[in-house]
Amino acid sequence: MRSKTDEGYIRLRPMTAADLSPISAIEQASFLTPWAEKDFIKALAQNQGTLCWVAEWIEEPHPPRVVANVIVWLILDEAHIGTLAVHPEYRGRSIARRLLAKVLLEATRLGATHALLEVRACNQDALHLYNKFGFAVVGVRKGYYQDAGEDALLMTLNPLVPEILAELVDNR
């Protein structure tokens, strides 16, 4: 999938082992407690029950650059979002919206009917994104983020509507 944004293009595709180095850099730049490379290796090995996707920024004549990643676990009819991150230099270009919509659309094709996630209660950018999708807060996990003792908001999107997700992927 390709769309023109500013001077470059976004391409969404499944993650590969070759993406681990840039993904690690994105995680380090994005989170207090980033996922370790071994966690991504494990997710890639579970290809039956895990969706691992990246967004690449393509700008000629430069080689494609991985600028975002997402991991979603499929648990029965649930798509559980494990991590979603965009490199700080590429934020504000609708990359997270398109990547999340794409992976949730893929999850619906595999039988997911709803989505679930945890997010730091103070992460306003993430909350804004999830609210755009229609996620609702259904609970609080007290002290979930052990690095700072912060609470997580438990959010769900029910139902997942493929037509809406397809529009969010393609809506530039």
Protein backbone atom coordinates (compact mmCIF):
# COMPACT_ATOMS: atom_id res chain seq x y z
CA MET A 1 0.00 0.00 0.00
CA ARG A 2 1.39 3.36 -1.04
CA SER A 3 0.24 6.93 -0.62
CA LYS A 4 1.92 10.25 -1.29
CA THR A 5 2.48 12.47 1.73
CA ASP A 6 4.63 15.61 1.55
CA GLU A 7 7.77 14.74 -0.40
CA GLY A 8 7.71 11.00 0.26
CA TYR A 9 5.51 7.96 0.30
CA ILE A 10 4.25 5.65 3.02
CA ARG A 11 4.25 1.93 2.28
CA LEU A 12 2.67 -0.51 4.74
CA ARG A 13 3.93 -4.09 4.78
CA PRO A 14 4.51 -7.09 7.04
CA MET A 15 7.58 -6.88 9.28
CA THR A 16 10.67 -8.98 8.58
CA ALA A 17 13.74 -9.82 10.63
CA ALA A 18 15.67 -7.26 8.56
CA ASP A 19 13.51 -4.55 10.17
CA LEU A 20 14.63 -5.26 13.73
CA SER A 21 17.41 -2.67 13.92
CA PRO A 22 15.30 0.33 12.85
CA ILE A 23 12.38 -0.93 14.96
CA SER A 24 14.63 -1.05 18.03
CA ALA A 25 15.65 2.56 17.36
CA ILE A 26 11.99 3.62 17.03
CA GLU A 27 11.09 1.87 20.29
CA GLN A 28 14.04 3.49 22.11
CA ALA A 29 13.00 6.93 20.88
CA SER A 30 9.33 6.38 21.72
CA PHE A 31 9.01 4.68 25.10
CA LEU A 32 10.38 4.80 28.64
CA THR A 33 10.39 1.00 28.61
CA PRO A 34 10.75 -0.06 24.97
CA TRP A 35 10.19 -3.55 23.71
CA ALA A 36 13.43 -5.53 23.47
CA GLU A 37 14.59 -6.91 20.13
CA LYS A 38 14.00 -10.44 21.48
CA ASP A 39 10.30 -9.55 21.93
CA PHE A 40 10.02 -8.67 18.25
CA ILE A 41 11.86 -11.85 17.27
CA LYS A 42 9.37 -13.84 19.34
CA ALA A 43 6.43 -12.00 17.75
CA LEU A 44 7.77 -12.68 14.26
CA ALA A 45 8.13 -16.39 15.11
CA GLN A 46 4.43 -16.54 16.13
CA ASN A 47 3.20 -15.67 12.66
CA GLN A 48 -0.04 -17.66 13.09
CA GLY A 49 -1.32 -15.60 16.01
CA THR A 50 0.56 -12.33 15.64
CA LEU A 51 0.39 -9.52 13.11
CA CYS A 52 3.71 -7.69 12.79
CA TRP A 53 3.67 -4.72 10.40
CA VAL A 54 5.82 -1.72 9.58
CA ALA A 55 5.44 1.55 7.70
CA GLU A 56 8.23 2.58 5.38
CA TRP A 57 8.97 6.11 4.25
CA ILE A 58 10.00 6.14 0.60
CA GLU A 59 11.64 9.22 -0.80
CA GLU A 60 13.62 9.00 -4.03
CA PRO A 61 16.54 8.61 -4.47
CA HIS A 62 16.98 7.33 -0.88
CA PRO A 63 16.37 3.73 0.16
CA PRO A 64 13.11 3.00 2.04
CA ARG A 65 13.27 3.76 5.77
CA VAL A 66 11.22 1.89 8.40
CA VAL A 67 9.54 4.66 10.41
CA ALA A 68 6.78 2.86 12.35
CA ASN A 69 5.85 -0.53 13.72
CA VAL A 70 2.88 -2.31 15.24
CA ILE A 71 2.34 -5.71 16.87
CA VAL A 72 -1.15 -7.17 17.29
CA TRP A 73 -1.86 -10.53 18.93
CA LEU A 74 -4.91 -12.43 17.75
CA ILE A 75 -6.64 -14.10 20.69
CA LEU A 76 -9.77 -15.90 19.54
CA ASP A 77 -11.90 -13.06 18.13
CA GLU A 78 -9.85 -10.28 19.77
CA ALA A 79 -7.09 -8.15 18.27
CA HIS A 80 -4.87 -7.12 21.18
CA ILE A 81 -2.56 -4.23 20.29
CA GLY A 82 0.81 -4.87 21.93
CA THR A 83 2.81 -1.92 20.65
CA LEU A 84 2.49 0.89 18.14
CA ALA A 85 5.26 3.41 17.58
CA VAL A 86 6.25 6.03 15.02
CA HIS A 87 9.75 7.50 14.79
CA PRO A 88 9.61 11.03 16.29
CA GLU A 89 10.82 12.63 13.03
CA TYR A 90 7.83 11.17 11.16
CA ARG A 91 5.00 11.90 13.57
CA GLY A 92 2.10 14.08 12.47
CA ARG A 93 1.87 12.49 9.00
CA SER A 94 -1.05 10.10 9.74
CA ILE A 95 1.34 7.12 9.70
CA ALA A 96 0.09 5.68 13.01
CA ARG A 97 -3.53 5.99 11.88
CA ARG A 98 -2.93 4.26 8.58
CA LEU A 99 -0.72 1.52 10.08
CA LEU A 100 -3.17 0.76 12.89
CA ALA A 101 -6.12 0.72 10.49
CA LYS A 102 -4.25 -1.62 8.13
CA VAL A 103 -3.32 -4.13 10.83
CA LEU A 104 -6.83 -4.07 12.34
CA LEU A 105 -8.29 -4.60 8.87
CA GLU A 106 -6.00 -7.61 8.48
CA ALA A 107 -7.15 -8.82 11.91
CA THR A 108 -10.80 -8.71 10.79
CA ARG A 109 -9.91 -10.85 7.79
CA LEU A 110 -8.55 -13.39 10.26
CA GLY A 111 -11.71 -13.38 12.40
CA ALA A 112 -11.20 -10.54 14.91
CA THR A 113 -14.42 -8.79 15.84
CA HIS A 114 -13.07 -6.34 18.42
CA ALA A 115 -9.78 -4.80 19.58
CA LEU A 116 -8.24 -4.18 22.99
CA LEU A 117 -5.22 -2.19 24.19
CA GLU A 118 -3.57 -0.61 27.19
CA VAL A 119 -2.26 2.96 26.98
CA ARG A 120 -0.57 5.26 29.47
CA ALA A 121 -3.22 7.53 30.95
CA CYS A 122 -0.97 10.54 30.25
CA ASN A 123 -0.25 9.71 26.57
CA GLN A 124 -2.43 12.36 24.95
CA ASP A 125 -1.24 11.71 21.38
CA ALA A 126 -2.10 8.01 21.61
CA LEU A 127 -5.43 8.75 23.29
CA HIS A 128 -6.29 11.18 20.49
CA LEU A 129 -5.51 8.51 17.88
CA TYR A 130 -7.51 5.80 19.64
CA ASN A 131 -10.46 8.13 20.18
CA LYS A 132 -10.50 8.85 16.41
CA PHE A 133 -10.95 5.12 15.85
CA GLY A 134 -13.79 4.97 18.36
CA PHE A 135 -11.95 3.14 21.14
CA ALA A 136 -13.63 3.55 24.54
CA VAL A 137 -12.08 3.36 27.99
CA VAL A 138 -13.48 0.32 29.77
CA GLY A 139 -11.16 0.13 32.75
CA VAL A 140 -7.95 1.17 34.48
CA ARG A 141 -4.97 -1.06 35.24
CA LYS A 142 -3.47 0.52 38.36
CA GLY A 143 0.35 0.75 38.33
CA TYR A 144 0.52 -1.14 35.01
CA TYR A 145 3.62 0.73 33.84
CA GLN A 146 6.17 -0.28 36.44
CA ASP A 147 8.89 2.10 35.18
CA ALA A 148 6.96 5.10 36.54
CA GLY A 149 4.11 3.44 38.44
CA GLU A 150 1.63 4.89 35.96
CA ASP A 151 -1.83 3.58 35.35
CA ALA A 152 -2.92 2.19 32.01
CA LEU A 153 -6.27 2.86 30.49
CA LEU A 154 -7.84 -0.30 29.10
CA MET A 155 -9.56 0.59 25.83
CA THR A 156 -11.70 -1.43 23.46
CA LEU A 157 -13.11 -1.00 20.00
CA ASN A 158 -16.19 -3.12 19.49
CA PRO A 159 -17.09 -3.93 16.81
CA LEU A 160 -14.28 -3.72 14.28
CA VAL A 161 -15.93 -2.53 11.06
CA PRO A 162 -13.87 -3.44 7.97
CA GLU A 163 -15.38 -0.67 5.82
CA ILE A 164 -14.42 2.02 8.34
CA LEU A 165 -10.94 0.58 8.77
CA ALA A 166 -10.42 0.47 4.98
CA GLU A 167 -11.40 4.12 4.79
CA LEU A 168 -8.92 5.03 7.55
CA VAL A 169 -6.12 3.21 5.69
CA ASP A 170 -6.83 5.00 2.43
CA ASN A 171 -7.97 8.38 3.73
CA ARG A 172 -4.98 10.63 3.29
